[in-house]
Amino acid sequence: MTADDEIKSAYAHDAEGREHEAIKHYDAAWQLGVPADKRRRFIVGYGSTLRNVGRAEEAIVLLAEAHEADPDYPAYTAFLALALLSAGHPKAALATMIGCALDAVPRERWDGYDRALGEYQKELLET
């Protein structure tokens, strides 16, 4: 099978709620090499499915690396927060989601509370 075939199979199994079948196809597609034009959506789906099948630590690594390489894609950050929560890191998960919200919403819409949220985010990451 090609990477595209594996991706299609992964998405189909995911859509049916069959994550344990989907993960086999995600793993295979990742090994074969995911085309650049499909990478964002694939990584989010793969990371989410890794988390759902109990491989949250792998999801964290995958999504954190993707976010570092492409910080303007908020889906990486949101799904990273879910993976952190599933891996037993609730403070890091909340801090990550606060960062996602702060990045996604224009500062003027926060009525000045963006500064306070930023401080709470730092506090969560320090403890």
C-alpha atoms as a PDB file:
ATOM      1  CA  MET A   1       0.000   0.000   0.000  1.00  0.00           C
ATOM      2  CA  THR A   2       1.057   3.584  -0.562  1.00  0.00           C
ATOM      3  CA  ALA A   3       1.110   6.271   2.126  1.00  0.00           C
ATOM      4  CA  ASP A   4      -2.047   7.760   0.576  1.00  0.00           C
ATOM      5  CA  ASP A   5      -3.822   4.387   0.781  1.00  0.00           C
ATOM      6  CA  GLU A   6      -2.782   3.985   4.410  1.00  0.00           C
ATOM      7  CA  ILE A   7      -3.980   7.510   5.215  1.00  0.00           C
ATOM      8  CA  LYS A   8      -7.378   6.851   3.628  1.00  0.00           C
ATOM      9  CA  SER A   9      -7.691   3.601   5.595  1.00  0.00           C
ATOM     10  CA  ALA A  10      -6.685   5.333   8.832  1.00  0.00           C
ATOM     11  CA  TYR A  11      -9.287   8.074   8.339  1.00  0.00           C
ATOM     12  CA  ALA A  12     -11.993   5.564   7.424  1.00  0.00           C
ATOM     13  CA  HIS A  13     -11.375   3.476  10.535  1.00  0.00           C
ATOM     14  CA  ASP A  14     -11.227   6.614  12.697  1.00  0.00           C
ATOM     15  CA  ALA A  15     -14.554   7.826  11.308  1.00  0.00           C
ATOM     16  CA  GLU A  16     -16.081   4.490  12.321  1.00  0.00           C
ATOM     17  CA  GLY A  17     -14.678   4.775  15.852  1.00  0.00           C
ATOM     18  CA  ARG A  18     -12.250   1.897  15.282  1.00  0.00           C
ATOM     19  CA  GLU A  19      -9.108   3.576  16.611  1.00  0.00           C
ATOM     20  CA  HIS A  20      -7.219   0.318  17.205  1.00  0.00           C
ATOM     21  CA  GLU A  21      -7.578  -0.537  13.520  1.00  0.00           C
ATOM     22  CA  ALA A  22      -6.867   3.054  12.451  1.00  0.00           C
ATOM     23  CA  ILE A  23      -3.603   3.257  14.390  1.00  0.00           C
ATOM     24  CA  LYS A  24      -2.086   0.436  12.332  1.00  0.00           C
ATOM     25  CA  HIS A  25      -2.678   2.470   9.184  1.00  0.00           C
ATOM     26  CA  TYR A  26      -1.456   5.706  10.757  1.00  0.00           C
ATOM     27  CA  ASP A  27       1.749   3.955  11.845  1.00  0.00           C
ATOM     28  CA  ALA A  28       2.249   2.501   8.359  1.00  0.00           C
ATOM     29  CA  ALA A  29       1.603   5.832   6.614  1.00  0.00           C
ATOM     30  CA  TRP A  30       4.033   7.601   8.944  1.00  0.00           C
ATOM     31  CA  GLN A  31       6.717   5.025   8.140  1.00  0.00           C
ATOM     32  CA  LEU A  32       6.099   5.377   4.406  1.00  0.00           C
ATOM     33  CA  GLY A  33       6.231   9.184   4.542  1.00  0.00           C
ATOM     34  CA  VAL A  34       3.234  11.482   4.599  1.00  0.00           C
ATOM     35  CA  PRO A  35       3.057  13.953   1.700  1.00  0.00           C
ATOM     36  CA  ALA A  36       3.576  17.562   2.764  1.00  0.00           C
ATOM     37  CA  ASP A  37       0.133  18.674   1.569  1.00  0.00           C
ATOM     38  CA  LYS A  38      -1.527  16.128   3.886  1.00  0.00           C
ATOM     39  CA  ARG A  39       0.801  16.499   6.841  1.00  0.00           C
ATOM     40  CA  ARG A  40      -1.142  18.900   9.087  1.00  0.00           C
ATOM     41  CA  ARG A  41      -4.411  16.996   9.058  1.00  0.00           C
ATOM     42  CA  PHE A  42      -2.598  13.680   9.265  1.00  0.00           C
ATOM     43  CA  ILE A  43      -0.522  14.656  12.310  1.00  0.00           C
ATOM     44  CA  VAL A  44      -3.579  15.866  14.207  1.00  0.00           C
ATOM     45  CA  GLY A  45      -5.483  12.675  13.400  1.00  0.00           C
ATOM     46  CA  TYR A  46      -2.484  10.499  14.217  1.00  0.00           C
ATOM     47  CA  GLY A  47      -1.806  12.308  17.482  1.00  0.00           C
ATOM     48  CA  SER A  48      -5.429  12.104  18.515  1.00  0.00           C
ATOM     49  CA  THR A  49      -5.598   8.401  17.724  1.00  0.00           C
ATOM     50  CA  LEU A  50      -2.329   7.710  19.526  1.00  0.00           C
ATOM     51  CA  ARG A  51      -3.899   9.312  22.593  1.00  0.00           C
ATOM     52  CA  ASN A  52      -7.123   7.343  22.186  1.00  0.00           C
ATOM     53  CA  VAL A  53      -5.300   4.001  22.068  1.00  0.00           C
ATOM     54  CA  GLY A  54      -3.239   4.722  25.186  1.00  0.00           C
ATOM     55  CA  ARG A  55      -0.080   6.017  23.528  1.00  0.00           C
ATOM     56  CA  ALA A  56      -0.401   9.555  24.912  1.00  0.00           C
ATOM     57  CA  GLU A  57       3.340  10.059  25.435  1.00  0.00           C
ATOM     58  CA  GLU A  58       3.955   9.367  21.736  1.00  0.00           C
ATOM     59  CA  ALA A  59       1.163  11.795  20.878  1.00  0.00           C
ATOM     60  CA  ILE A  60       2.841  14.467  23.002  1.00  0.00           C
ATOM     61  CA  VAL A  61       6.151  14.051  21.176  1.00  0.00           C
ATOM     62  CA  LEU A  62       4.514  14.047  17.734  1.00  0.00           C
ATOM     63  CA  LEU A  63       2.285  17.070  18.378  1.00  0.00           C
ATOM     64  CA  ALA A  64       4.939  19.073  20.243  1.00  0.00           C
ATOM     65  CA  GLU A  65       7.413  18.597  17.390  1.00  0.00           C
ATOM     66  CA  ALA A  66       4.750  19.533  14.853  1.00  0.00           C
ATOM     67  CA  HIS A  67       3.818  22.639  16.841  1.00  0.00           C
ATOM     68  CA  GLU A  68       7.457  23.669  17.127  1.00  0.00           C
ATOM     69  CA  ALA A  69       7.920  23.329  13.364  1.00  0.00           C
ATOM     70  CA  ASP A  70       4.564  24.949  12.478  1.00  0.00           C
ATOM     71  CA  PRO A  71       3.388  27.128  15.405  1.00  0.00           C
ATOM     72  CA  ASP A  72       0.681  28.878  13.372  1.00  0.00           C
ATOM     73  CA  TYR A  73      -1.553  25.795  13.219  1.00  0.00           C
ATOM     74  CA  PRO A  74      -3.723  25.863  16.377  1.00  0.00           C
ATOM     75  CA  ALA A  75      -5.008  22.304  16.000  1.00  0.00           C
ATOM     76  CA  TYR A  76      -1.572  21.007  16.996  1.00  0.00           C
ATOM     77  CA  THR A  77      -1.722  22.958  20.243  1.00  0.00           C
ATOM     78  CA  ALA A  78      -5.280  21.976  21.125  1.00  0.00           C
ATOM     79  CA  PHE A  79      -4.646  18.279  20.550  1.00  0.00           C
ATOM     80  CA  LEU A  80      -1.332  18.518  22.379  1.00  0.00           C
ATOM     81  CA  ALA A  81      -3.280  19.795  25.391  1.00  0.00           C
ATOM     82  CA  LEU A  82      -5.572  16.753  25.229  1.00  0.00           C
ATOM     83  CA  ALA A  83      -2.579  14.413  25.007  1.00  0.00           C
ATOM     84  CA  LEU A  84      -0.957  16.093  28.005  1.00  0.00           C
ATOM     85  CA  LEU A  85      -4.155  15.627  29.991  1.00  0.00           C
ATOM     86  CA  SER A  86      -4.396  11.953  29.022  1.00  0.00           C
ATOM     87  CA  ALA A  87      -0.755  11.440  30.021  1.00  0.00           C
ATOM     88  CA  GLY A  88      -1.461  12.798  33.515  1.00  0.00           C
ATOM     89  CA  HIS A  89      -0.140  16.337  33.094  1.00  0.00           C
ATOM     90  CA  PRO A  90      -3.248  18.450  33.814  1.00  0.00           C
ATOM     91  CA  LYS A  91      -1.406  21.689  34.603  1.00  0.00           C
ATOM     92  CA  ALA A  92       0.641  21.497  31.417  1.00  0.00           C
ATOM     93  CA  ALA A  93      -2.550  20.661  29.508  1.00  0.00           C
ATOM     94  CA  LEU A  94      -4.362  23.709  30.853  1.00  0.00           C
ATOM     95  CA  ALA A  95      -1.351  25.955  30.258  1.00  0.00           C
ATOM     96  CA  THR A  96      -1.127  24.684  26.680  1.00  0.00           C
ATOM     97  CA  MET A  97      -4.817  25.342  26.059  1.00  0.00           C
ATOM     98  CA  ILE A  98      -4.530  28.836  27.554  1.00  0.00           C
ATOM     99  CA  GLY A  99      -1.660  29.490  25.154  1.00  0.00           C
ATOM    100  CA  CYS A 100      -3.788  28.213  22.273  1.00  0.00           C
ATOM    101  CA  ALA A 101      -6.627  30.545  23.228  1.00  0.00           C
ATOM    102  CA  LEU A 102      -4.299  33.520  23.640  1.00  0.00           C
ATOM    103  CA  ASP A 103      -2.762  32.861  20.237  1.00  0.00           C
ATOM    104  CA  ALA A 104      -6.120  32.348  18.505  1.00  0.00           C
ATOM    105  CA  VAL A 105      -8.031  35.351  19.836  1.00  0.00           C
ATOM    106  CA  PRO A 106      -6.880  38.907  19.079  1.00  0.00           C
ATOM    107  CA  ARG A 107      -5.495  40.653  22.171  1.00  0.00           C
ATOM    108  CA  GLU A 108      -8.012  43.496  22.047  1.00  0.00           C
ATOM    109  CA  ARG A 109     -10.860  41.015  22.543  1.00  0.00           C
ATOM    110  CA  TRP A 110      -9.498  40.006  25.949  1.00  0.00           C
ATOM    111  CA  ASP A 111     -10.232  43.439  27.526  1.00  0.00           C
ATOM    112  CA  GLY A 112      -6.804  43.397  29.112  1.00  0.00           C
ATOM    113  CA  TYR A 113      -7.208  39.940  30.656  1.00  0.00           C
ATOM    114  CA  ASP A 114      -4.686  38.458  28.253  1.00  0.00           C
ATOM    115  CA  ARG A 115      -1.920  39.640  30.574  1.00  0.00           C
ATOM    116  CA  ALA A 116      -3.483  37.876  33.557  1.00  0.00           C
ATOM    117  CA  LEU A 117      -4.037  34.695  31.553  1.00  0.00           C
ATOM    118  CA  GLY A 118      -0.422  34.809  30.432  1.00  0.00           C
ATOM    119  CA  GLU A 119       0.674  35.029  34.056  1.00  0.00           C
ATOM    120  CA  TYR A 120      -1.563  32.113  35.040  1.00  0.00           C
ATOM    121  CA  GLN A 121      -0.138  30.140  32.145  1.00  0.00           C
ATOM    122  CA  LYS A 122       3.419  30.767  33.367  1.00  0.00           C
ATOM    123  CA  GLU A 123       2.425  29.826  36.907  1.00  0.00           C
ATOM    124  CA  LEU A 124       0.950  26.527  35.722  1.00  0.00           C
ATOM    125  CA  LEU A 125       4.102  25.699  33.790  1.00  0.00           C
ATOM    126  CA  GLU A 126       6.359  26.482  36.779  1.00  0.00           C
ATOM    127  CA  THR A 127       4.594  24.167  39.224  1.00  0.00           C
END
